[in-house]
Amino acid sequence: MKIMIDPGHGGNDSGAVGYGRKEKDIVLEAALYIGGRLQSLGVQVQYTREDDTNPGEPQERGKMAKGCDYF
């Protein structure tokens, strides 16, 4: 099984901001944690981003998932 995880936001797109936190940081942290757990179960995991970069528009990110079972 291959899964593409899309944390979204990133780079200059912070998403929601409040209480000193940015959505882009929270979703990346969650995505990397979940991806790591899935990998420990033998699932192949890919990400649209693994650092603070903007992964592009939703259509572009969807194209990155080609060949994956889930996005």
PDB file of N, CA and C in Angstrom:
ATOM      1  N   MET A   1       0.845  -1.168   0.000  1.00  0.00           N
ATOM      2  CA  MET A   1       0.000   0.000   0.000  1.00  0.00           C
ATOM      3  C   MET A   1       0.895   1.237   0.000  1.00  0.00           C
ATOM      4  N   LYS A   2       0.504   2.243  -0.757  1.00  0.00           N
ATOM      5  CA  LYS A   2       1.250   3.500  -0.824  1.00  0.00           C
ATOM      6  C   LYS A   2       0.287   4.655  -0.551  1.00  0.00           C
ATOM      7  N   ILE A   3       0.688   5.516   0.367  1.00  0.00           N
ATOM      8  CA  ILE A   3      -0.143   6.648   0.775  1.00  0.00           C
ATOM      9  C   ILE A   3       0.625   7.943   0.570  1.00  0.00           C
ATOM     10  N   MET A   4      -0.031   8.940  -0.008  1.00  0.00           N
ATOM     11  CA  MET A   4       0.525  10.296  -0.124  1.00  0.00           C
ATOM     12  C   MET A   4      -0.134  11.149   0.946  1.00  0.00           C
ATOM     13  N   ILE A   5       0.675  11.742   1.812  1.00  0.00           N
ATOM     14  CA  ILE A   5       0.165  12.621   2.859  1.00  0.00           C
ATOM     15  C   ILE A   5       0.423  14.060   2.429  1.00  0.00           C
ATOM     16  N   ASP A   6      -0.617  14.884   2.522  1.00  0.00           N
ATOM     17  CA  ASP A   6      -0.549  16.275   2.072  1.00  0.00           C
ATOM     18  C   ASP A   6      -0.763  17.234   3.232  1.00  0.00           C
ATOM     19  N   PRO A   7       0.321  17.725   3.865  1.00  0.00           N
ATOM     20  CA  PRO A   7       0.151  18.680   4.950  1.00  0.00           C
ATOM     21  C   PRO A   7      -0.355  20.050   4.500  1.00  0.00           C
ATOM     22  N   GLY A   8      -0.246  20.365   3.213  1.00  0.00           N
ATOM     23  CA  GLY A   8      -0.723  21.655   2.721  1.00  0.00           C
ATOM     24  C   GLY A   8       0.013  22.834   3.334  1.00  0.00           C
ATOM     25  N   HIS A   9      -0.378  24.033   2.934  1.00  0.00           N
ATOM     26  CA  HIS A   9       0.241  25.282   3.380  1.00  0.00           C
ATOM     27  C   HIS A   9       1.763  25.192   3.226  1.00  0.00           C
ATOM     28  N   GLY A  10       2.510  25.901   4.012  1.00  0.00           N
ATOM     29  CA  GLY A  10       3.965  25.890   3.944  1.00  0.00           C
ATOM     30  C   GLY A  10       4.526  27.105   3.230  1.00  0.00           C
ATOM     31  N   GLY A  11       5.804  27.362   3.457  1.00  0.00           N
ATOM     32  CA  GLY A  11       6.450  28.521   2.849  1.00  0.00           C
ATOM     33  C   GLY A  11       5.771  29.808   3.277  1.00  0.00           C
ATOM     34  N   ASN A  12       5.401  30.630   2.299  1.00  0.00           N
ATOM     35  CA  ASN A  12       4.773  31.918   2.610  1.00  0.00           C
ATOM     36  C   ASN A  12       3.278  31.796   2.911  1.00  0.00           C
ATOM     37  N   ASP A  13       2.720  30.597   2.828  1.00  0.00           N
ATOM     38  CA  ASP A  13       1.305  30.352   3.147  1.00  0.00           C
ATOM     39  C   ASP A  13       1.222  29.731   4.534  1.00  0.00           C
ATOM     40  N   SER A  14       0.945  30.562   5.528  1.00  0.00           N
ATOM     41  CA  SER A  14       0.950  30.079   6.913  1.00  0.00           C
ATOM     42  C   SER A  14      -0.329  29.363   7.313  1.00  0.00           C
ATOM     43  N   GLY A  15      -1.401  29.513   6.527  1.00  0.00           N
ATOM     44  CA  GLY A  15      -2.688  28.998   6.966  1.00  0.00           C
ATOM     45  C   GLY A  15      -3.177  29.848   8.121  1.00  0.00           C
ATOM     46  N   ALA A  16      -4.007  29.286   8.968  1.00  0.00           N
ATOM     47  CA  ALA A  16      -4.535  30.022  10.118  1.00  0.00           C
ATOM     48  C   ALA A  16      -3.419  30.294  11.127  1.00  0.00           C
ATOM     49  N   VAL A  17      -3.524  31.427  11.799  1.00  0.00           N
ATOM     50  CA  VAL A  17      -2.533  31.818  12.804  1.00  0.00           C
ATOM     51  C   VAL A  17      -3.269  32.229  14.065  1.00  0.00           C
ATOM     52  N   GLY A  18      -2.824  31.715  15.182  1.00  0.00           N
ATOM     53  CA  GLY A  18      -3.439  32.102  16.448  1.00  0.00           C
ATOM     54  C   GLY A  18      -2.696  31.510  17.620  1.00  0.00           C
ATOM     55  N   TYR A  19      -2.721  32.205  18.731  1.00  0.00           N
ATOM     56  CA  TYR A  19      -2.074  31.750  19.960  1.00  0.00           C
ATOM     57  C   TYR A  19      -0.600  31.426  19.743  1.00  0.00           C
ATOM     58  N   GLY A  20       0.036  32.178  18.845  1.00  0.00           N
ATOM     59  CA  GLY A  20       1.455  31.984  18.600  1.00  0.00           C
ATOM     60  C   GLY A  20       1.800  30.783  17.751  1.00  0.00           C
ATOM     61  N   ARG A  21       0.819  30.148  17.160  1.00  0.00           N
ATOM     62  CA  ARG A  21       1.052  28.952  16.333  1.00  0.00           C
ATOM     63  C   ARG A  21       0.560  29.209  14.917  1.00  0.00           C
ATOM     64  N   LYS A  22       1.168  28.520  13.955  1.00  0.00           N
ATOM     65  CA  LYS A  22       0.773  28.606  12.554  1.00  0.00           C
ATOM     66  C   LYS A  22       0.284  27.242  12.099  1.00  0.00           C
ATOM     67  N   GLU A  23      -0.804  27.252  11.357  1.00  0.00           N
ATOM     68  CA  GLU A  23      -1.378  26.006  10.864  1.00  0.00           C
ATOM     69  C   GLU A  23      -0.364  25.192  10.093  1.00  0.00           C
ATOM     70  N   LYS A  24       0.461  25.845   9.265  1.00  0.00           N
ATOM     71  CA  LYS A  24       1.429  25.126   8.443  1.00  0.00           C
ATOM     72  C   LYS A  24       2.377  24.287   9.299  1.00  0.00           C
ATOM     73  N   ASP A  25       2.735  24.774  10.477  1.00  0.00           N
ATOM     74  CA  ASP A  25       3.638  24.030  11.355  1.00  0.00           C
ATOM     75  C   ASP A  25       2.933  22.858  12.027  1.00  0.00           C
ATOM     76  N   ILE A  26       1.701  23.088  12.438  1.00  0.00           N
ATOM     77  CA  ILE A  26       0.938  22.034  13.123  1.00  0.00           C
ATOM     78  C   ILE A  26       0.639  20.878  12.175  1.00  0.00           C
ATOM     79  N   VAL A  27       0.184  21.192  10.951  1.00  0.00           N
ATOM     80  CA  VAL A  27      -0.168  20.109  10.022  1.00  0.00           C
ATOM     81  C   VAL A  27       1.073  19.349   9.557  1.00  0.00           C
ATOM     82  N   LEU A  28       2.214  20.031   9.429  1.00  0.00           N
ATOM     83  CA  LEU A  28       3.436  19.324   9.045  1.00  0.00           C
ATOM     84  C   LEU A  28       3.873  18.376  10.151  1.00  0.00           C
ATOM     85  N   GLU A  29       3.834  18.848  11.379  1.00  0.00           N
ATOM     86  CA  GLU A  29       4.199  17.995  12.510  1.00  0.00           C
ATOM     87  C   GLU A  29       3.296  16.759  12.572  1.00  0.00           C
ATOM     88  N   ALA A  30       1.999  16.966  12.407  1.00  0.00           N
ATOM     89  CA  ALA A  30       1.053  15.846  12.439  1.00  0.00           C
ATOM     90  C   ALA A  30       1.295  14.889  11.275  1.00  0.00           C
ATOM     91  N   ALA A  31       1.530  15.427  10.088  1.00  0.00           N
ATOM     92  CA  ALA A  31       1.745  14.585   8.901  1.00  0.00           C
ATOM     93  C   ALA A  31       2.987  13.711   9.057  1.00  0.00           C
ATOM     94  N   LEU A  32       4.067  14.292   9.547  1.00  0.00           N
ATOM     95  CA  LEU A  32       5.306  13.527   9.719  1.00  0.00           C
ATOM     96  C   LEU A  32       5.146  12.460  10.794  1.00  0.00           C
ATOM     97  N   TYR A  33       4.412  12.779  11.847  1.00  0.00           N
ATOM     98  CA  TYR A  33       4.162  11.794  12.902  1.00  0.00           C
ATOM     99  C   TYR A  33       3.329  10.628  12.368  1.00  0.00           C
ATOM    100  N   ILE A  34       2.225  10.953  11.709  1.00  0.00           N
ATOM    101  CA  ILE A  34       1.347   9.907  11.160  1.00  0.00           C
ATOM    102  C   ILE A  34       2.092   9.079  10.116  1.00  0.00           C
ATOM    103  N   GLY A  35       2.849   9.753   9.251  1.00  0.00           N
ATOM    104  CA  GLY A  35       3.627   9.038   8.237  1.00  0.00           C
ATOM    105  C   GLY A  35       4.615   8.076   8.861  1.00  0.00           C
ATOM    106  N   GLY A  36       5.279   8.505   9.915  1.00  0.00           N
ATOM    107  CA  GLY A  36       6.220   7.631  10.607  1.00  0.00           C
ATOM    108  C   GLY A  36       5.545   6.414  11.210  1.00  0.00           C
ATOM    109  N   ARG A  37       4.386   6.622  11.788  1.00  0.00           N
ATOM    110  CA  ARG A  37       3.628   5.490  12.356  1.00  0.00           C
ATOM    111  C   ARG A  37       3.218   4.512  11.261  1.00  0.00           C
ATOM    112  N   LEU A  38       2.741   5.045  10.132  1.00  0.00           N
ATOM    113  CA  LEU A  38       2.345   4.178   9.020  1.00  0.00           C
ATOM    114  C   LEU A  38       3.540   3.398   8.478  1.00  0.00           C
ATOM    115  N   GLN A  39       4.680   4.066   8.355  1.00  0.00           N
ATOM    116  CA  GLN A  39       5.885   3.391   7.870  1.00  0.00           C
ATOM    117  C   GLN A  39       6.290   2.258   8.801  1.00  0.00           C
ATOM    118  N   SER A  40       6.126   2.452  10.099  1.00  0.00           N
ATOM    119  CA  SER A  40       6.471   1.391  11.055  1.00  0.00           C
ATOM    120  C   SER A  40       5.571   0.173  10.897  1.00  0.00           C
ATOM    121  N   LEU A  41       4.418   0.364  10.252  1.00  0.00           N
ATOM    122  CA  LEU A  41       3.493  -0.746   9.987  1.00  0.00           C
ATOM    123  C   LEU A  41       3.700  -1.336   8.593  1.00  0.00           C
ATOM    124  N   GLY A  42       4.721  -0.848   7.878  1.00  0.00           N
ATOM    125  CA  GLY A  42       5.033  -1.390   6.566  1.00  0.00           C
ATOM    126  C   GLY A  42       4.374  -0.686   5.396  1.00  0.00           C
ATOM    127  N   VAL A  43       3.738   0.442   5.641  1.00  0.00           N
ATOM    128  CA  VAL A  43       3.078   1.196   4.577  1.00  0.00           C
ATOM    129  C   VAL A  43       4.104   2.119   3.913  1.00  0.00           C
ATOM    130  N   GLN A  44       4.080   2.198   2.587  1.00  0.00           N
ATOM    131  CA  GLN A  44       4.923   3.148   1.869  1.00  0.00           C
ATOM    132  C   GLN A  44       4.271   4.518   1.967  1.00  0.00           C
ATOM    133  N   VAL A  45       5.034   5.523   2.371  1.00  0.00           N
ATOM    134  CA  VAL A  45       4.491   6.857   2.588  1.00  0.00           C
ATOM    135  C   VAL A  45       5.291   7.865   1.773  1.00  0.00           C
ATOM    136  N   GLN A  46       4.575   8.776   1.124  1.00  0.00           N
ATOM    137  CA  GLN A  46       5.175   9.914   0.452  1.00  0.00           C
ATOM    138  C   GLN A  46       4.481  11.159   0.994  1.00  0.00           C
ATOM    139  N   TYR A  47       5.151  12.296   0.856  1.00  0.00           N
ATOM    140  CA  TYR A  47       4.602  13.561   1.340  1.00  0.00           C
ATOM    141  C   TYR A  47       4.640  14.590   0.217  1.00  0.00           C
ATOM    142  N   THR A  48       3.693  15.524   0.233  1.00  0.00           N
ATOM    143  CA  THR A  48       3.770  16.636  -0.710  1.00  0.00           C
ATOM    144  C   THR A  48       4.809  17.646  -0.249  1.00  0.00           C
ATOM    145  N   ARG A  49       5.096  17.654   1.034  1.00  0.00           N
ATOM    146  CA  ARG A  49       6.198  18.459   1.569  1.00  0.00           C
ATOM    147  C   ARG A  49       6.669  17.850   2.879  1.00  0.00           C
ATOM    148  N   GLU A  50       7.972  17.985   3.149  1.00  0.00           N
ATOM    149  CA  GLU A  50       8.550  17.480   4.391  1.00  0.00           C
ATOM    150  C   GLU A  50       9.263  18.580   5.166  1.00  0.00           C
ATOM    151  N   ASP A  51       9.169  19.803   4.662  1.00  0.00           N
ATOM    152  CA  ASP A  51       9.782  20.942   5.334  1.00  0.00           C
ATOM    153  C   ASP A  51       8.919  22.173   5.068  1.00  0.00           C
ATOM    154  N   ASP A  52       9.414  23.329   5.429  1.00  0.00           N
ATOM    155  CA  ASP A  52       8.619  24.558   5.323  1.00  0.00           C
ATOM    156  C   ASP A  52       8.684  25.147   3.907  1.00  0.00           C
ATOM    157  N   THR A  53       8.185  24.385   2.950  1.00  0.00           N
ATOM    158  CA  THR A  53       8.078  24.861   1.571  1.00  0.00           C
ATOM    159  C   THR A  53       6.611  24.790   1.156  1.00  0.00           C
ATOM    160  N   ASN A  54       6.236  25.607   0.200  1.00  0.00           N
ATOM    161  CA  ASN A  54       4.870  25.590  -0.307  1.00  0.00           C
ATOM    162  C   ASN A  54       4.759  24.487  -1.350  1.00  0.00           C
ATOM    163  N   PRO A  55       3.900  23.493  -1.138  1.00  0.00           N
ATOM    164  CA  PRO A  55       3.806  22.367  -2.068  1.00  0.00           C
ATOM    165  C   PRO A  55       3.043  22.679  -3.355  1.00  0.00           C
ATOM    166  N   GLY A  56       2.540  23.888  -3.507  1.00  0.00           N
ATOM    167  CA  GLY A  56       1.829  24.253  -4.729  1.00  0.00           C
ATOM    168  C   GLY A  56       0.320  24.169  -4.577  1.00  0.00           C
ATOM    169  N   GLU A  57      -0.343  24.375  -5.695  1.00  0.00           N
ATOM    170  CA  GLU A  57      -1.806  24.373  -5.716  1.00  0.00           C
ATOM    171  C   GLU A  57      -2.347  22.950  -5.523  1.00  0.00           C
ATOM    172  N   PRO A  58      -3.589  22.820  -5.048  1.00  0.00           N
ATOM    173  CA  PRO A  58      -4.171  21.495  -4.819  1.00  0.00           C
ATOM    174  C   PRO A  58      -4.106  20.574  -6.040  1.00  0.00           C
ATOM    175  N   GLN A  59      -4.313  21.120  -7.229  1.00  0.00           N
ATOM    176  CA  GLN A  59      -4.271  20.284  -8.433  1.00  0.00           C
ATOM    177  C   GLN A  59      -2.869  19.714  -8.641  1.00  0.00           C
ATOM    178  N   GLU A  60      -1.849  20.510  -8.390  1.00  0.00           N
ATOM    179  CA  GLU A  60      -0.467  20.055  -8.532  1.00  0.00           C
ATOM    180  C   GLU A  60      -0.149  18.979  -7.503  1.00  0.00           C
ATOM    181  N   ARG A  61      -0.618  19.187  -6.283  1.00  0.00           N
ATOM    182  CA  ARG A  61      -0.362  18.200  -5.226  1.00  0.00           C
ATOM    183  C   ARG A  61      -1.073  16.893  -5.538  1.00  0.00           C
ATOM    184  N   GLY A  62      -2.255  16.973  -6.105  1.00  0.00           N
ATOM    185  CA  GLY A  62      -2.977  15.764  -6.494  1.00  0.00           C
ATOM    186  C   GLY A  62      -2.219  14.969  -7.536  1.00  0.00           C
ATOM    187  N   LYS A  63      -1.575  15.653  -8.466  1.00  0.00           N
ATOM    188  CA  LYS A  63      -0.780  14.964  -9.491  1.00  0.00           C
ATOM    189  C   LYS A  63       0.406  14.227  -8.877  1.00  0.00           C
ATOM    190  N   MET A  64       0.925  14.743  -7.773  1.00  0.00           N
ATOM    191  CA  MET A  64       2.055  14.098  -7.098  1.00  0.00           C
ATOM    192  C   MET A  64       1.658  12.729  -6.551  1.00  0.00           C
ATOM    193  N   ALA A  65       0.361  12.516  -6.350  1.00  0.00           N
ATOM    194  CA  ALA A  65      -0.126  11.271  -5.752  1.00  0.00           C
ATOM    195  C   ALA A  65      -0.335  10.165  -6.773  1.00  0.00           C
ATOM    196  N   LYS A  66       0.008  10.417  -8.020  1.00  0.00           N
ATOM    197  CA  LYS A  66      -0.164   9.383  -9.051  1.00  0.00           C
ATOM    198  C   LYS A  66       0.580   8.123  -8.635  1.00  0.00           C
ATOM    199  N   GLY A  67      -0.094   6.999  -8.705  1.00  0.00           N
ATOM    200  CA  GLY A  67       0.484   5.725  -8.306  1.00  0.00           C
ATOM    201  C   GLY A  67       0.257   5.374  -6.852  1.00  0.00           C
ATOM    202  N   CYS A  68      -0.298   6.300  -6.087  1.00  0.00           N
ATOM    203  CA  CYS A  68      -0.589   6.023  -4.677  1.00  0.00           C
ATOM    204  C   CYS A  68      -2.000   5.456  -4.558  1.00  0.00           C
ATOM    205  N   ASP A  69      -2.187   4.638  -3.542  1.00  0.00           N
ATOM    206  CA  ASP A  69      -3.511   4.061  -3.284  1.00  0.00           C
ATOM    207  C   ASP A  69      -4.439   5.062  -2.603  1.00  0.00           C
ATOM    208  N   TYR A  70      -3.857   5.918  -1.781  1.00  0.00           N
ATOM    209  CA  TYR A  70      -4.644   6.908  -1.045  1.00  0.00           C
ATOM    210  C   TYR A  70      -3.902   8.225  -1.036  1.00  0.00           C
ATOM    211  N   PHE A  71      -4.673   9.328  -1.009  1.00  0.00           N
ATOM    212  CA  PHE A  71      -4.111  10.675  -0.997  1.00  0.00           C
ATOM    213  C   PHE A  71      -4.771  11.459   0.111  1.00  0.00           C
TER     214      PHE A  71
END
